[in-house]
Amino acid sequence: MGMKIVVTGATGFVGSAVCSYLRSLNHTIVGIGRRNVHPLQGSSGFQYIHADTSMAGGWQNQISNADAVVNLAGESILRRWSGDARTRIWDSRVKTTKNVTNAMGRTQTLLSFSATGYFGDRGPEELTEESARGTGFLSDLCAAWEDAATHAPGDSRIVICRLGVVLGNGGALEKMLPVFKLGMGGRLGSGRQWFPWIHLEDVLGGIHFLLRTPAVTGPVHLVSPNPLINRAFTETLGNELGVPTVAVVPKMVLSMLFGEASCVLLDSQRVIPQKLTASGFNFRYPAIQAALHQIVAE
């Protein structure tokens, strides 16, 4: 039986794919986002609301009678973190989540997203859902973001999805491919930092699995079971494209371009999806070679 599912951040790379996927499974979707229009606008089984979810408003009326909320809202992180940018990055996540939980009824499911940035820079340490948080702005942000989700009404099921870098036809890979195709792609910094990634199709499958698996609660890592270091990712993508990957983008250059936000590219996070795997979820693309082959071919 189909559910009514509210999706915040519905016009982003992941959010728009989530709306399309869940609608294709005969769920009724209410998408909420900051862009004026949505690609699914006017489609049956889909309603779009243009709103800034960091502010309370009429959009919250859609939440109280929904079966589930998939809370994906959040401004782009990879930019220089000026004071104003920090505020927008923070409010788009933390205030949105507070607004969502304030509008929820008592027996709903909340899939609220966070990120592997929760762990900060951890070198080769293997990180499960039980590992302690790290330090820095991203870790503080993720901790506040996750805490806001825990204030959902008492009978609600709360799942915190810590998302890695999503690979698909859009997002981060869309920015990388033109550079790599010119033979200018290369490792970032030392290239030894661990890179938590996941194919978009496994994000979609993981969300639907979590919606239908009431035994799973709390933090869940939405990442491939096979993280790899940046240098190995770079070489694999170059091999798939048939181009050299001898270039190096020094840490100093990344720091000049992005300031403190360069940690998004340089921090090492060897994140493992222990809870998702133990719950019986089967990844469609657990290995980076197959994942990149599918994306590049498409």
Protein backbone atom coordinates (compact mmCIF):
# COMPACT_ATOMS: atom_id res chain seq x y z
CA MET A 1 0.00 0.00 0.00
CA GLY A 2 1.34 3.42 -0.94
CA MET A 3 2.33 5.99 1.65
CA LYS A 4 2.10 9.75 1.72
CA ILE A 5 5.70 10.91 1.94
CA VAL A 6 6.89 14.50 2.35
CA VAL A 7 10.35 15.21 0.90
CA THR A 8 12.20 18.40 1.89
CA GLY A 9 15.08 19.52 -0.32
CA ALA A 10 13.02 18.10 -3.18
CA THR A 11 14.75 20.03 -5.99
CA GLY A 12 18.33 19.02 -5.19
CA PHE A 13 20.32 16.32 -7.00
CA VAL A 14 19.34 13.63 -4.49
CA GLY A 15 15.95 15.09 -3.56
CA SER A 16 14.59 15.20 -7.09
CA ALA A 17 15.70 11.60 -7.68
CA VAL A 18 14.07 10.52 -4.41
CA CYS A 19 10.76 12.10 -5.45
CA SER A 20 10.81 10.37 -8.85
CA TYR A 21 11.79 7.00 -7.39
CA LEU A 22 9.25 6.93 -4.57
CA ARG A 23 6.50 8.14 -6.89
CA SER A 24 7.35 5.30 -9.32
CA LEU A 25 6.63 2.89 -6.45
CA ASN A 26 3.08 4.29 -6.14
CA HIS A 27 3.66 6.46 -3.12
CA THR A 28 2.05 9.92 -2.98
CA ILE A 29 4.79 12.52 -2.77
CA VAL A 30 4.74 16.11 -1.52
CA GLY A 31 8.00 17.76 -2.50
CA ILE A 32 9.10 20.97 -0.79
CA GLY A 33 12.00 23.04 -2.09
CA ARG A 34 13.34 26.52 -2.74
CA ARG A 35 13.34 26.48 -6.53
CA ASN A 36 10.31 27.92 -8.28
CA VAL A 37 9.47 24.74 -10.20
CA HIS A 38 10.05 20.99 -9.97
CA PRO A 39 10.55 18.57 -12.91
CA LEU A 40 7.60 16.46 -11.70
CA GLN A 41 5.26 19.41 -11.30
CA GLY A 42 1.81 18.54 -12.66
CA SER A 43 2.43 14.78 -12.51
CA SER A 44 -0.14 12.55 -10.86
CA GLY A 45 0.71 11.50 -7.33
CA PHE A 46 3.01 14.48 -6.86
CA GLN A 47 2.52 17.91 -5.32
CA TYR A 48 5.19 20.58 -5.17
CA ILE A 49 5.40 23.42 -2.65
CA HIS A 50 7.88 26.25 -3.15
CA ALA A 51 9.08 27.30 0.31
CA ASP A 52 12.13 28.13 2.42
CA THR A 53 11.95 25.33 4.97
CA SER A 54 14.32 27.10 7.36
CA MET A 55 11.31 29.33 8.09
CA ALA A 56 8.04 28.15 9.61
CA GLY A 57 5.10 28.39 7.24
CA GLY A 58 2.11 26.80 5.57
CA TRP A 59 4.30 24.04 4.10
CA GLN A 60 4.33 22.44 7.56
CA ASN A 61 0.63 21.58 7.20
CA GLN A 62 1.61 18.77 4.81
CA ILE A 63 3.63 16.99 7.47
CA SER A 64 1.15 16.20 10.23
CA ASN A 65 -0.94 13.84 8.07
CA ALA A 66 1.96 12.22 6.17
CA ASP A 67 3.09 8.67 6.82
CA ALA A 68 6.75 9.60 6.54
CA VAL A 69 9.11 12.53 6.03
CA VAL A 70 12.40 12.32 4.13
CA ASN A 71 14.29 15.40 5.30
CA LEU A 72 17.00 16.22 2.75
CA ALA A 73 17.10 20.02 2.83
CA GLY A 74 20.48 21.71 3.00
CA GLU A 75 22.47 24.34 1.09
CA SER A 76 25.65 23.35 -0.74
CA ILE A 77 28.64 22.93 1.57
CA LEU A 78 31.52 23.24 -0.92
CA ARG A 79 32.02 27.00 -0.95
CA ARG A 80 34.06 29.45 1.08
CA TRP A 81 32.51 29.62 4.56
CA SER A 82 31.96 33.33 5.03
CA GLY A 83 29.87 34.29 8.04
CA ASP A 84 26.75 34.57 5.87
CA ALA A 85 27.44 31.24 4.14
CA ARG A 86 27.88 29.49 7.49
CA THR A 87 24.55 30.84 8.66
CA ARG A 88 22.72 29.67 5.52
CA ILE A 89 24.40 26.25 5.60
CA TRP A 90 23.47 25.85 9.28
CA ASP A 91 19.92 27.20 9.13
CA SER A 92 18.97 25.26 6.00
CA ARG A 93 19.67 22.06 7.94
CA VAL A 94 19.14 22.68 11.63
CA LYS A 95 16.22 25.13 11.49
CA THR A 96 14.53 23.08 8.76
CA THR A 97 14.77 19.94 10.89
CA LYS A 98 13.34 21.75 13.91
CA ASN A 99 10.46 22.99 11.78
CA VAL A 100 9.84 19.46 10.50
CA THR A 101 9.77 17.88 13.96
CA ASN A 102 7.57 20.69 15.31
CA ALA A 103 4.98 19.83 12.65
CA MET A 104 5.04 16.05 13.06
CA GLY A 105 2.32 13.90 14.60
CA ARG A 106 3.09 11.17 17.10
CA THR A 107 3.22 8.00 14.97
CA GLN A 108 5.21 8.94 11.91
CA THR A 109 8.55 7.92 10.41
CA LEU A 110 11.29 10.52 10.00
CA LEU A 111 14.29 9.83 7.78
CA SER A 112 16.40 12.87 8.54
CA PHE A 113 19.68 13.24 6.72
CA SER A 114 23.10 14.08 8.09
CA ALA A 115 26.55 13.48 6.59
CA THR A 116 29.78 11.61 7.15
CA GLY A 117 31.27 15.02 8.00
CA TYR A 118 30.00 14.14 11.50
CA PHE A 119 33.31 12.34 12.04
CA GLY A 120 35.76 15.05 11.02
CA ASP A 121 39.24 14.01 9.87
CA ARG A 122 39.92 10.48 11.18
CA GLY A 123 42.71 9.01 9.06
CA PRO A 124 42.43 5.23 8.51
CA GLU A 125 40.15 4.61 11.54
CA GLU A 126 37.14 2.45 10.65
CA LEU A 127 33.98 4.37 11.57
CA THR A 128 30.68 2.66 12.39
CA GLU A 129 27.42 4.12 13.68
CA GLU A 130 28.80 3.69 17.22
CA SER A 131 31.97 5.74 16.64
CA ALA A 132 32.36 9.09 18.41
CA ARG A 133 31.90 12.36 16.54
CA GLY A 134 34.83 14.42 15.41
CA THR A 135 35.70 18.12 15.65
CA GLY A 136 35.33 21.16 13.41
CA PHE A 137 32.49 23.09 11.80
CA LEU A 138 31.08 20.16 9.82
CA SER A 139 31.08 17.89 12.85
CA ASP A 140 29.35 20.57 14.94
CA LEU A 141 26.83 21.11 12.14
CA CYS A 142 26.02 17.41 11.79
CA ALA A 143 25.69 16.98 15.55
CA ALA A 144 23.21 19.88 15.79
CA TRP A 145 21.37 18.63 12.69
CA GLU A 146 21.02 15.15 14.18
CA ASP A 147 20.02 16.48 17.59
CA ALA A 148 17.20 18.52 16.02
CA ALA A 149 15.77 15.30 14.53
CA THR A 150 15.65 13.61 17.94
CA HIS A 151 12.98 16.09 19.06
CA ALA A 152 10.33 14.43 16.91
CA PRO A 153 7.26 13.42 18.98
CA GLY A 154 7.78 10.45 21.29
CA ASP A 155 6.06 7.72 19.27
CA SER A 156 7.79 8.61 16.01
CA ARG A 157 10.47 6.38 14.47
CA ILE A 158 13.60 8.43 13.84
CA VAL A 159 16.34 7.33 11.44
CA ILE A 160 19.41 9.52 10.95
CA CYS A 161 20.92 8.85 7.50
CA ARG A 162 24.60 9.84 7.42
CA LEU A 163 25.24 10.25 3.72
CA GLY A 164 28.55 9.90 1.90
CA VAL A 165 29.42 11.44 -1.48
CA VAL A 166 26.65 10.45 -3.88
CA LEU A 167 27.82 9.31 -7.32
CA GLY A 168 25.43 9.58 -10.24
CA ASN A 169 24.59 11.71 -13.26
CA GLY A 170 24.74 14.96 -11.35
CA GLY A 171 26.17 16.17 -8.07
CA ALA A 172 29.90 15.89 -7.40
CA LEU A 173 30.68 13.63 -10.36
CA GLU A 174 29.06 16.06 -12.80
CA LYS A 175 31.68 18.63 -11.76
CA MET A 176 34.54 16.13 -11.96
CA LEU A 177 33.90 14.51 -15.34
CA PRO A 178 34.70 17.46 -17.66
CA VAL A 179 38.08 17.92 -15.94
CA PHE A 180 38.89 14.20 -16.06
CA LYS A 181 37.82 13.88 -19.71
CA LEU A 182 40.41 16.54 -20.58
CA GLY A 183 43.09 14.43 -18.90
CA MET A 184 43.46 17.00 -16.12
CA GLY A 185 41.98 14.92 -13.30
CA GLY A 186 44.15 13.87 -10.40
CA ARG A 187 44.36 13.17 -6.72
CA LEU A 188 43.49 15.78 -4.11
CA GLY A 189 46.26 16.59 -1.67
CA SER A 190 48.10 13.44 -0.57
CA GLY A 191 45.36 11.23 -2.05
CA ARG A 192 45.55 9.06 1.07
CA GLN A 193 42.33 10.36 2.61
CA TRP A 194 39.49 7.83 2.79
CA PHE A 195 36.50 8.63 0.62
CA PRO A 196 33.01 7.50 1.71
CA TRP A 197 30.88 7.16 -1.43
CA ILE A 198 27.60 5.61 -2.57
CA HIS A 199 25.86 5.15 -5.93
CA LEU A 200 22.66 7.16 -6.29
CA GLU A 201 20.65 4.00 -6.96
CA ASP A 202 21.76 2.61 -3.59
CA VAL A 203 20.70 5.85 -1.90
CA LEU A 204 17.23 5.44 -3.41
CA GLY A 205 17.05 1.76 -2.57
CA GLY A 206 18.37 2.44 0.93
CA ILE A 207 15.73 5.09 1.60
CA HIS A 208 12.92 2.79 0.50
CA PHE A 209 14.39 -0.06 2.55
CA LEU A 210 14.53 2.13 5.66
CA LEU A 211 10.98 3.37 5.15
CA ARG A 212 9.81 -0.26 5.09
CA THR A 213 12.00 -1.61 7.90
CA PRO A 214 10.54 -0.43 11.22
CA ALA A 215 13.15 -2.24 13.32
CA VAL A 216 15.87 0.17 12.16
CA THR A 217 16.21 3.39 14.19
CA GLY A 218 18.92 5.88 15.05
CA PRO A 219 22.02 6.64 12.98
CA VAL A 220 22.46 4.66 9.74
CA HIS A 221 25.38 5.08 7.35
CA LEU A 222 24.29 5.46 3.73
CA VAL A 223 27.65 4.66 2.17
CA SER A 224 29.15 1.83 0.12
CA PRO A 225 30.55 -1.08 2.15
CA ASN A 226 33.80 -0.53 0.22
CA PRO A 227 35.22 2.95 0.88
CA LEU A 228 38.53 3.72 -0.80
CA ILE A 229 41.22 6.34 -0.66
CA ASN A 230 41.07 9.36 -2.97
CA ARG A 231 44.04 8.20 -5.05
CA ALA A 232 42.35 4.85 -5.79
CA PHE A 233 39.10 6.59 -6.73
CA THR A 234 40.98 8.93 -9.07
CA GLU A 235 42.80 6.06 -10.79
CA THR A 236 39.58 4.04 -11.17
CA LEU A 237 37.73 6.96 -12.76
CA GLY A 238 40.65 7.64 -15.08
CA ASN A 239 40.77 3.99 -16.16
CA GLU A 240 37.04 3.99 -16.84
CA LEU A 241 37.39 7.10 -19.01
CA GLY A 242 40.64 5.93 -20.63
CA VAL A 243 42.53 9.07 -19.59
CA PRO A 244 45.68 9.70 -17.50
CA THR A 245 45.31 10.87 -13.90
CA VAL A 246 48.80 12.13 -13.13
CA ALA A 247 47.74 15.60 -12.03
CA VAL A 248 47.85 16.59 -8.37
CA VAL A 249 45.82 19.36 -6.76
CA PRO A 250 47.97 20.40 -3.78
CA LYS A 251 46.40 20.96 -0.38
CA MET A 252 47.61 24.57 -0.50
CA VAL A 253 45.68 25.23 -3.74
CA LEU A 254 42.49 23.74 -2.31
CA SER A 255 42.91 25.88 0.81
CA MET A 256 43.31 28.98 -1.35
CA LEU A 257 40.18 28.13 -3.36
CA PHE A 258 37.85 27.05 -0.57
CA GLY A 259 39.43 28.20 2.68
CA GLU A 260 38.29 26.13 5.67
CA ALA A 261 35.77 24.33 3.43
CA SER A 262 38.67 22.49 1.76
CA CYS A 263 38.24 19.95 4.58
CA VAL A 264 35.26 18.61 2.61
CA LEU A 265 37.78 17.35 0.03
CA LEU A 266 40.72 16.55 2.30
CA ASP A 267 39.30 15.01 5.48
CA SER A 268 39.67 11.24 5.77
CA GLN A 269 36.57 9.24 6.73
CA ARG A 270 36.62 5.45 6.46
CA VAL A 271 32.91 5.05 7.09
CA ILE A 272 31.29 1.59 7.11
CA PRO A 273 27.50 0.91 6.73
CA GLN A 274 27.45 -1.61 9.57
CA LYS A 275 23.81 -1.19 10.56
CA LEU A 276 22.42 -1.17 7.01
CA THR A 277 24.32 -4.34 6.09
CA ALA A 278 23.33 -6.11 9.32
CA SER A 279 19.67 -5.23 8.63
CA GLY A 280 19.73 -7.15 5.34
CA PHE A 281 20.07 -4.38 2.76
CA ASN A 282 21.72 -5.52 -0.48
CA PHE A 283 23.77 -2.91 -2.33
CA ARG A 284 23.34 -2.86 -6.07
CA TYR A 285 26.73 -1.17 -6.58
CA PRO A 286 29.01 -2.14 -3.68
CA ALA A 287 32.21 -1.77 -5.77
CA ILE A 288 33.52 1.46 -7.24
CA GLN A 289 34.44 -0.06 -10.63
CA ALA A 290 30.88 -1.20 -11.38
CA ALA A 291 29.42 2.04 -10.02
CA LEU A 292 31.58 4.28 -12.20
CA HIS A 293 31.16 2.04 -15.24
CA GLN A 294 27.36 2.34 -15.01
CA ILE A 295 27.45 6.11 -14.58
CA VAL A 296 29.95 6.79 -17.35
CA ALA A 297 28.15 4.42 -19.76
CA GLU A 298 24.84 6.14 -19.11
